[in-house]
Amino acid sequence: MKIALVSPYDWGYPGGVKTHIEHLATELRHRGHSVRILTPSSQRGDRPIEFGIYKIGWTAPLRLNGSIARVAITPALTGSLRRLLRFEQFDIIHLHEPMVSTLTLAVLRLARAMHIPCVATFHASTNKRTSTAAVAYAMASPFLQASFRRIDGYIAVSSAALAHVSRHFTANYHIIPNGIDIGHFAPTVAPLPQFADGACNILFLSRLEPRKGLRFLLKAIPLIREQYASMGGPPLRFIIAGDGPQRMKFQRFVQQMGWQDVVFVGFVAEEEKPSYFASATIYCAPATGSESQGLILLEAMATGTPVVASDIPGYRTVIPSAAEGLLTPPRDAERLAWAVCHLLRQPELRAHIGEQGRQRAQLYSWQRITEEIEAVYEESQVRSLERQQEVYPLPRGMRIPSPRRLFRR
């Protein structure tokens, strides 16, 4: 089967949707499918075509959900896209966040005209109805309903993402989460030598932007030190990994406070992330909201690292109980400090939560996730044929083939 994966976001910048598409493409190819990625890219010197990737159009930065999203806004894409779709002859087009960019909307319009089945995955979530993303959806949804009805299969990555999109676009959604590379994030990964000196490492690994909540961890650090001092354990170290608009602000604050036990390591490449999790005594994710699933939690859990995170809808989907991790109220530095110290003083509990979390993470392997997505492809092909039959009825005696016959590898 030939499949197109369409991203609305700039391919030159890291992000959850890009990571999802890359891993899904890899797993689909392992399963015998031919995959092409259609995406905008604004990087200078970028080749317009790389292996399996078509780069179409340019992007503009938009502030959404407390983050910066670089979304395709290129006008007049129709001619080049039509030529591309005719050349490739896709069996399925899988669009990600289809309502947010000119690229995805143009692909939807052309695919319907060319009778190509379309599947859409909705990734975004927000816990505020007054957020920019929620208001934008509310204002645009009346004008986008016709485009939405061109989709044959609907996926949300979590119940939080479903709640967000279904306020404005009604459909029968499949909840299929983001997956993780179980082989890459594993308990057998060696820790980083510079952090393997016997200290207890509290790790924050995320993009340094407001919704990730680093300021609440920084508020909790004096409280953690105060409680931990009475335990008489090894020294503490707080590792701040990641980059973003708030990095310099927080680094200056730590320097002014003279905190020698807080280390900023900057951007962490994907291949280095497992080693950081393996080096951590506890992984801390104090996000304030607008997280659709909590993929980073699963990556930590897969390495066997116990997690302390905010009790927000997206994180609850991967940590349903205290057996897999500890959830604390968002923006509450005192409760965050208590949860961290609770685990620091109980190594047996840390080991138990780490193991339970590792087992939970196995449910999110890309092999399992891709099988579920393939099933939606099957349904969508049948739905597309049924839709065509309404316009062009089949001759008497002919029937639409079963999904398994349509679903060619």
Protein backbone atom coordinates (compact mmCIF):
# COMPACT_ATOMS: atom_id res chain seq x y z
CA MET A 1 0.00 0.00 0.00
CA LYS A 2 1.25 3.51 -0.77
CA ILE A 3 0.62 5.93 2.10
CA ALA A 4 1.10 9.70 2.41
CA LEU A 5 1.72 11.16 5.88
CA VAL A 6 1.00 14.90 5.86
CA SER A 7 2.36 17.28 8.50
CA PRO A 8 1.17 20.89 8.90
CA TYR A 9 4.30 21.87 10.86
CA ASP A 10 7.75 22.98 9.77
CA TRP A 11 9.93 19.90 9.25
CA GLY A 12 13.03 21.86 10.19
CA TYR A 13 12.00 22.13 13.87
CA PRO A 14 11.61 19.36 16.46
CA GLY A 15 8.15 18.60 17.81
CA GLY A 16 5.82 15.85 18.92
CA VAL A 17 3.93 15.60 15.63
CA LYS A 18 7.17 15.35 13.65
CA THR A 19 8.45 12.60 15.96
CA HIS A 20 5.14 10.74 15.64
CA ILE A 21 5.23 10.88 11.82
CA GLU A 22 8.88 9.75 11.65
CA HIS A 23 8.28 6.71 13.84
CA LEU A 24 4.99 5.82 12.15
CA ALA A 25 6.65 6.02 8.72
CA THR A 26 9.47 3.75 9.88
CA GLU A 27 7.09 1.13 11.30
CA LEU A 28 4.81 1.22 8.26
CA ARG A 29 7.83 0.63 6.00
CA HIS A 30 8.90 -2.28 8.19
CA ARG A 31 5.45 -3.72 7.61
CA GLY A 32 5.88 -3.58 3.84
CA HIS A 33 4.16 -0.32 2.91
CA SER A 34 5.53 2.46 0.72
CA VAL A 35 5.44 5.78 2.62
CA ARG A 36 5.92 9.40 1.58
CA ILE A 37 5.91 12.41 3.92
CA LEU A 38 4.46 15.74 2.76
CA THR A 39 5.52 18.69 4.90
CA PRO A 40 6.40 22.39 4.81
CA SER A 41 9.96 23.42 5.60
CA SER A 42 11.51 26.86 5.94
CA GLN A 43 15.12 25.84 6.52
CA ARG A 44 17.50 27.62 4.14
CA GLY A 45 19.38 25.31 1.83
CA ASP A 46 16.84 22.52 2.37
CA ARG A 47 16.46 20.20 -0.58
CA PRO A 48 12.82 20.19 -1.72
CA ILE A 49 12.88 16.39 -1.99
CA GLU A 50 14.70 13.97 0.31
CA PHE A 51 14.28 10.23 0.55
CA GLY A 52 10.58 9.70 1.14
CA ILE A 53 9.96 13.38 1.98
CA TYR A 54 8.39 16.13 -0.16
CA LYS A 55 8.91 19.64 1.26
CA ILE A 56 6.15 21.94 0.08
CA GLY A 57 5.77 25.61 0.91
CA TRP A 58 6.81 27.83 3.79
CA THR A 59 5.60 28.46 7.33
CA ALA A 60 4.92 31.22 9.83
CA PRO A 61 5.31 31.03 13.63
CA LEU A 62 2.04 31.12 15.56
CA ARG A 63 1.67 31.17 19.33
CA LEU A 64 -0.63 28.28 20.28
CA ASN A 65 -1.16 26.44 23.58
CA GLY A 66 1.72 28.24 25.29
CA SER A 67 4.13 27.22 22.56
CA ILE A 68 5.30 28.36 19.12
CA ALA A 69 3.92 26.32 16.22
CA ARG A 70 5.40 26.90 12.75
CA VAL A 71 2.43 26.18 10.53
CA ALA A 72 2.17 25.95 6.74
CA ILE A 73 0.43 29.05 5.38
CA THR A 74 1.57 28.94 1.76
CA PRO A 75 -1.19 30.05 -0.66
CA ALA A 76 -1.75 28.62 -4.15
CA LEU A 77 -0.62 25.06 -3.45
CA THR A 78 -3.26 23.40 -5.59
CA GLY A 79 -1.32 23.00 -8.86
CA SER A 80 1.86 21.47 -7.41
CA LEU A 81 -0.10 19.24 -5.03
CA ARG A 82 -2.38 17.94 -7.78
CA ARG A 83 0.65 16.97 -9.88
CA LEU A 84 2.24 15.27 -6.89
CA LEU A 85 -0.86 13.27 -5.96
CA ARG A 86 -1.36 12.17 -9.57
CA PHE A 87 2.27 11.09 -9.81
CA GLU A 88 2.33 9.12 -6.54
CA GLN A 89 -1.15 7.52 -6.77
CA PHE A 90 -1.57 7.10 -3.01
CA ASP A 91 -3.90 4.46 -1.59
CA ILE A 92 -4.32 6.33 1.72
CA ILE A 93 -3.55 9.88 2.85
CA HIS A 94 -3.02 10.31 6.58
CA LEU A 95 -3.18 13.94 7.70
CA HIS A 96 -2.03 15.20 11.10
CA GLU A 97 -3.88 18.20 12.61
CA PRO A 98 -5.71 18.66 9.29
CA MET A 99 -7.61 21.82 10.28
CA VAL A 100 -4.63 24.06 11.11
CA SER A 101 -2.76 24.67 7.83
CA THR A 102 -3.27 25.51 4.18
CA LEU A 103 -1.26 22.44 3.19
CA THR A 104 -3.49 19.91 4.96
CA LEU A 105 -6.69 21.63 3.85
CA ALA A 106 -5.50 21.71 0.22
CA VAL A 107 -4.59 18.01 0.35
CA LEU A 108 -8.03 17.19 1.78
CA ARG A 109 -9.80 19.06 -1.01
CA LEU A 110 -7.77 17.43 -3.79
CA ALA A 111 -7.92 13.94 -2.25
CA ARG A 112 -11.72 14.00 -2.21
CA ALA A 113 -11.80 15.06 -5.86
CA MET A 114 -9.37 12.22 -6.73
CA HIS A 115 -11.25 9.64 -4.57
CA ILE A 116 -8.28 8.99 -2.25
CA PRO A 117 -9.35 7.90 1.26
CA CYS A 118 -8.20 10.28 4.02
CA VAL A 119 -7.48 9.57 7.69
CA ALA A 120 -6.85 12.38 10.19
CA THR A 121 -5.09 12.35 13.57
CA PHE A 122 -5.76 15.12 16.08
CA HIS A 123 -2.90 15.69 18.52
CA ALA A 124 -3.63 18.98 20.29
CA SER A 125 -5.23 19.48 23.68
CA THR A 126 -5.95 22.43 25.92
CA ASN A 127 -7.48 22.62 29.38
CA LYS A 128 -8.60 26.24 28.89
CA ARG A 129 -11.57 27.15 26.73
CA THR A 130 -10.19 30.68 26.52
CA SER A 131 -6.79 29.58 25.20
CA THR A 132 -5.65 30.75 21.76
CA ALA A 133 -6.08 27.24 20.31
CA ALA A 134 -9.59 26.83 21.71
CA VAL A 135 -10.73 30.27 20.55
CA ALA A 136 -9.21 29.74 17.10
CA TYR A 137 -11.02 26.40 16.72
CA ALA A 138 -14.30 27.94 17.88
CA MET A 139 -14.03 30.81 15.41
CA ALA A 140 -12.87 28.74 12.44
CA SER A 141 -14.97 25.59 12.87
CA PRO A 142 -18.10 26.89 11.08
CA PHE A 143 -15.99 27.53 7.98
CA LEU A 144 -14.10 24.22 8.21
CA GLN A 145 -17.00 21.80 8.56
CA ALA A 146 -17.03 21.06 4.82
CA SER A 147 -13.32 20.18 4.93
CA PHE A 148 -13.83 18.06 8.04
CA ARG A 149 -16.53 16.02 6.30
CA ARG A 150 -14.03 15.05 3.59
CA ILE A 151 -12.21 12.84 6.12
CA ASP A 152 -12.96 9.11 6.11
CA GLY A 153 -11.32 8.08 9.41
CA TYR A 154 -10.82 10.06 12.62
CA ILE A 155 -8.14 9.48 15.29
CA ALA A 156 -7.43 11.35 18.55
CA VAL A 157 -4.22 10.58 20.43
CA SER A 158 -5.88 10.67 23.86
CA SER A 159 -9.13 11.36 25.66
CA ALA A 160 -7.82 14.88 26.32
CA ALA A 161 -7.25 15.45 22.58
CA LEU A 162 -10.69 13.99 21.87
CA ALA A 163 -12.35 16.38 24.33
CA HIS A 164 -10.60 19.31 22.64
CA VAL A 165 -11.47 18.51 19.03
CA SER A 166 -14.97 17.09 19.60
CA ARG A 167 -16.21 20.40 21.04
CA HIS A 168 -16.20 21.75 17.50
CA PHE A 169 -16.01 18.74 15.14
CA THR A 170 -18.33 15.79 15.75
CA ALA A 171 -17.35 12.33 14.46
CA ASN A 172 -16.72 8.74 15.56
CA TYR A 173 -13.12 9.00 16.76
CA HIS A 174 -10.69 6.19 17.46
CA ILE A 175 -8.39 6.91 20.40
CA ILE A 176 -4.94 5.72 19.32
CA PRO A 177 -2.07 7.18 21.37
CA ASN A 178 1.39 8.23 20.31
CA GLY A 179 3.84 5.37 20.44
CA ILE A 180 7.38 5.03 21.76
CA ASP A 181 10.42 3.10 20.60
CA ILE A 182 10.61 0.38 23.25
CA GLY A 183 14.01 -0.76 22.00
CA HIS A 184 15.45 2.77 22.22
CA PHE A 185 14.06 3.56 25.68
CA ALA A 186 14.96 0.52 27.75
CA PRO A 187 16.20 -0.25 31.30
CA THR A 188 19.44 -1.62 29.85
CA VAL A 189 20.60 1.86 28.72
CA ALA A 190 23.78 2.99 30.51
CA PRO A 191 23.69 6.26 32.50
CA LEU A 192 25.86 9.21 31.57
CA PRO A 193 29.30 8.99 33.27
CA GLN A 194 29.26 12.62 34.44
CA PHE A 195 26.10 11.98 36.46
CA ALA A 196 26.97 8.48 37.76
CA ASP A 197 28.80 9.69 40.88
CA GLY A 198 26.34 8.50 43.52
CA ALA A 199 24.25 11.69 43.68
CA CYS A 200 20.45 11.56 43.50
CA ASN A 201 19.56 13.16 40.18
CA ILE A 202 16.22 14.93 39.72
CA LEU A 203 15.74 15.33 35.96
CA PHE A 204 13.64 17.89 34.10
CA LEU A 205 13.81 17.18 30.34
CA SER A 206 11.53 19.23 28.14
CA ARG A 207 11.29 22.34 26.05
CA LEU A 208 11.81 25.42 28.22
CA GLU A 209 8.55 27.25 27.64
CA PRO A 210 5.85 28.37 30.10
CA ARG A 211 3.47 25.42 29.86
CA LYS A 212 6.21 22.92 30.78
CA GLY A 213 6.23 24.37 34.32
CA LEU A 214 9.96 24.56 35.09
CA ARG A 215 9.38 27.60 37.30
CA PHE A 216 7.38 25.44 39.71
CA LEU A 217 10.21 22.93 39.99
CA LEU A 218 12.60 25.80 40.70
CA LYS A 219 10.22 27.02 43.42
CA ALA A 220 10.18 23.50 44.85
CA ILE A 221 13.98 23.10 44.98
CA PRO A 222 14.52 24.90 48.34
CA LEU A 223 11.67 22.86 49.85
CA ILE A 224 13.13 19.61 48.52
CA ARG A 225 16.56 20.49 49.92
CA GLU A 226 15.08 21.35 53.31
CA GLN A 227 13.14 18.07 53.59
CA TYR A 228 15.95 15.98 52.10
CA ALA A 229 18.59 17.35 54.49
CA SER A 230 17.00 15.45 57.39
CA MET A 231 17.29 12.14 55.51
CA GLY A 232 21.08 12.10 55.52
CA GLY A 233 21.29 10.63 52.02
CA PRO A 234 23.73 11.24 49.14
CA PRO A 235 23.94 14.73 47.59
CA LEU A 236 21.18 16.05 45.35
CA ARG A 237 21.55 17.28 41.79
CA PHE A 238 18.89 18.91 39.62
CA ILE A 239 19.49 18.38 35.89
CA ILE A 240 17.65 20.81 33.59
CA ALA A 241 17.76 19.42 30.05
CA GLY A 242 16.25 21.16 27.05
CA ASP A 243 16.19 24.46 25.24
CA GLY A 244 13.59 27.12 24.58
CA PRO A 245 12.59 30.74 25.08
CA GLN A 246 12.87 30.63 28.89
CA ARG A 247 16.30 29.05 29.15
CA MET A 248 18.39 32.20 29.61
CA LYS A 249 15.91 33.65 32.10
CA PHE A 250 16.05 30.56 34.30
CA GLN A 251 19.81 30.17 33.99
CA ARG A 252 20.31 33.76 35.15
CA PHE A 253 18.00 33.14 38.11
CA VAL A 254 19.93 30.03 39.17
CA GLN A 255 23.25 31.87 38.84
CA GLN A 256 21.97 34.78 40.93
CA MET A 257 20.79 32.36 43.60
CA GLY A 258 24.17 30.62 43.59
CA TRP A 259 22.64 27.15 43.28
CA GLN A 260 25.58 24.87 42.52
CA ASP A 261 23.43 21.74 42.49
CA VAL A 262 21.32 22.89 39.50
CA VAL A 263 22.89 22.02 36.13
CA PHE A 264 21.64 23.25 32.74
CA VAL A 265 22.74 20.95 29.92
CA GLY A 266 20.90 22.56 26.97
CA PHE A 267 19.29 20.81 24.03
CA VAL A 268 19.27 17.00 24.19
CA ALA A 269 19.23 15.03 20.92
CA GLU A 270 16.79 12.14 20.55
CA GLU A 271 19.56 9.53 20.69
CA GLU A 272 20.81 10.95 24.01
CA LYS A 273 17.47 11.04 25.83
CA PRO A 274 17.52 7.42 27.10
CA SER A 275 20.88 8.01 28.80
CA TYR A 276 19.49 11.03 30.63
CA PHE A 277 16.52 9.02 31.85
CA ALA A 278 18.86 6.20 32.91
CA SER A 279 20.90 8.76 34.90
CA ALA A 280 17.84 10.06 36.76
CA THR A 281 16.71 8.96 40.19
CA ILE A 282 13.37 10.67 39.48
CA TYR A 283 11.99 12.30 36.34
CA CYS A 284 9.93 15.41 37.07
CA ALA A 285 7.34 16.88 34.65
CA PRO A 286 5.51 19.82 36.30
CA ALA A 287 3.58 20.93 33.19
CA THR A 288 0.68 23.31 33.72
CA GLY A 289 -1.66 21.89 31.05
CA SER A 290 -2.34 21.62 27.30
CA GLU A 291 -0.52 18.27 27.09
CA SER A 292 -2.52 15.85 24.96
CA GLN A 293 -0.80 12.67 26.15
CA GLY A 294 2.57 12.87 27.86
CA LEU A 295 4.86 11.04 25.47
CA ILE A 296 7.91 12.15 27.45
CA LEU A 297 6.49 10.43 30.54
CA LEU A 298 6.25 7.15 28.63
CA GLU A 299 9.85 7.45 27.48
CA ALA A 300 11.00 7.88 31.07
CA MET A 301 8.76 5.03 32.23
CA ALA A 302 10.09 2.71 29.53
CA THR A 303 13.61 3.12 30.95
CA GLY A 304 12.32 2.20 34.42
CA THR A 305 12.65 5.74 35.81
CA PRO A 306 9.98 6.71 38.40
CA VAL A 307 7.97 9.77 37.41
CA VAL A 308 6.52 12.71 39.33
CA ALA A 309 4.23 14.76 37.08
CA SER A 310 1.33 17.18 37.11
CA ASP A 311 -2.18 15.83 37.50
CA ILE A 312 -3.52 17.07 34.16
CA PRO A 313 -5.82 15.22 31.71
CA GLY A 314 -3.14 14.33 29.17
CA TYR A 315 -0.80 12.88 31.79
CA ARG A 316 -3.59 10.91 33.47
CA THR A 317 -3.98 8.87 30.29
CA VAL A 318 -0.52 7.33 30.73
CA ILE A 319 -0.34 7.33 34.57
CA PRO A 320 -3.81 6.11 35.62
CA SER A 321 -2.81 5.26 39.20
CA ALA A 322 -0.09 5.82 41.81
CA ALA A 323 1.33 2.40 40.94
CA GLU A 324 2.83 3.81 37.70
CA GLY A 325 3.85 7.28 38.94
CA LEU A 326 2.94 10.13 41.27
CA LEU A 327 0.71 12.97 40.05
CA THR A 328 0.51 16.28 41.90
CA PRO A 329 -1.71 19.35 41.40
CA PRO A 330 -0.31 21.64 38.69
CA ARG A 331 1.34 24.90 39.83
CA ASP A 332 1.69 23.56 43.39
CA ALA A 333 5.39 23.67 44.33
CA GLU A 334 4.78 22.36 47.86
CA ARG A 335 2.98 19.21 46.73
CA LEU A 336 5.59 18.71 44.02
CA ALA A 337 8.37 18.91 46.64
CA TRP A 338 6.51 16.47 48.90
CA ALA A 339 6.11 13.89 46.10
CA VAL A 340 9.80 14.10 45.11
CA CYS A 341 10.94 13.69 48.73
CA HIS A 342 8.44 10.87 49.28
CA LEU A 343 10.20 8.90 46.55
CA LEU A 344 13.70 9.96 47.59
CA ARG A 345 13.26 8.49 51.06
CA GLN A 346 11.89 5.15 49.77
CA PRO A 347 14.18 3.36 47.28
CA GLU A 348 11.93 0.27 47.32
CA LEU A 349 8.94 2.37 46.26
CA ARG A 350 11.01 3.98 43.51
CA ALA A 351 11.97 0.55 42.20
CA HIS A 352 8.36 -0.65 42.33
CA ILE A 353 6.98 2.41 40.51
CA GLY A 354 9.80 2.19 37.99
CA GLU A 355 8.94 -1.42 37.16
CA GLN A 356 5.18 -0.80 37.00
CA GLY A 357 5.78 2.20 34.76
CA ARG A 358 8.04 0.13 32.50
CA GLN A 359 5.30 -2.47 32.08
CA ARG A 360 2.74 0.23 31.38
CA ALA A 361 4.97 1.73 28.68
CA GLN A 362 5.05 -1.58 26.80
CA LEU A 363 1.43 -0.96 25.81
CA TYR A 364 2.59 1.99 23.70
CA SER A 365 5.06 0.20 21.43
CA TRP A 366 5.03 1.43 17.85
CA GLN A 367 4.25 -2.07 16.61
CA ARG A 368 1.01 -2.15 18.60
CA ILE A 369 0.07 1.44 17.71
CA THR A 370 0.70 0.92 13.99
CA GLU A 371 -1.53 -2.16 13.93
CA GLU A 372 -4.38 -0.04 15.30
CA ILE A 373 -3.74 2.70 12.73
CA GLU A 374 -3.71 0.13 9.91
CA ALA A 375 -7.18 -1.00 11.04
CA VAL A 376 -8.43 2.59 10.65
CA TYR A 377 -6.90 2.66 7.15
CA GLU A 378 -8.96 -0.43 6.30
CA GLU A 379 -12.19 1.11 7.53
CA SER A 380 -11.48 4.34 5.71
CA GLN A 381 -10.94 2.64 2.38
CA VAL A 382 -14.32 0.95 2.68
CA ARG A 383 -15.99 4.20 3.78
CA SER A 384 -14.47 6.02 0.81
CA LEU A 385 -15.80 3.41 -1.60
CA GLU A 386 -19.23 3.58 0.00
CA ARG A 387 -19.18 7.34 -0.40
CA GLN A 388 -18.26 6.98 -4.08
CA GLN A 389 -21.04 4.43 -4.54
CA GLU A 390 -23.57 7.03 -3.41
CA VAL A 391 -22.49 9.17 -6.36
CA TYR A 392 -21.61 6.37 -8.79
CA PRO A 393 -23.70 3.26 -7.91
CA LEU A 394 -22.09 -0.14 -8.53
CA PRO A 395 -23.59 -2.33 -11.26
CA ARG A 396 -26.22 -4.76 -10.02
CA GLY A 397 -24.70 -7.83 -8.37
CA MET A 398 -21.36 -6.18 -7.49
CA ARG A 399 -20.33 -5.60 -3.87
CA ILE A 400 -17.65 -3.52 -2.18
CA PRO A 401 -14.70 -5.81 -1.39
CA SER A 402 -13.96 -6.68 2.24
CA PRO A 403 -11.38 -4.54 4.08
CA ARG A 404 -8.79 -7.32 4.10
CA ARG A 405 -8.87 -7.62 0.32
CA LEU A 406 -8.56 -3.87 -0.07
CA PHE A 407 -5.75 -3.54 2.43
CA ARG A 408 -2.74 -4.47 0.33
CA ARG A 409 0.79 -4.53 1.69
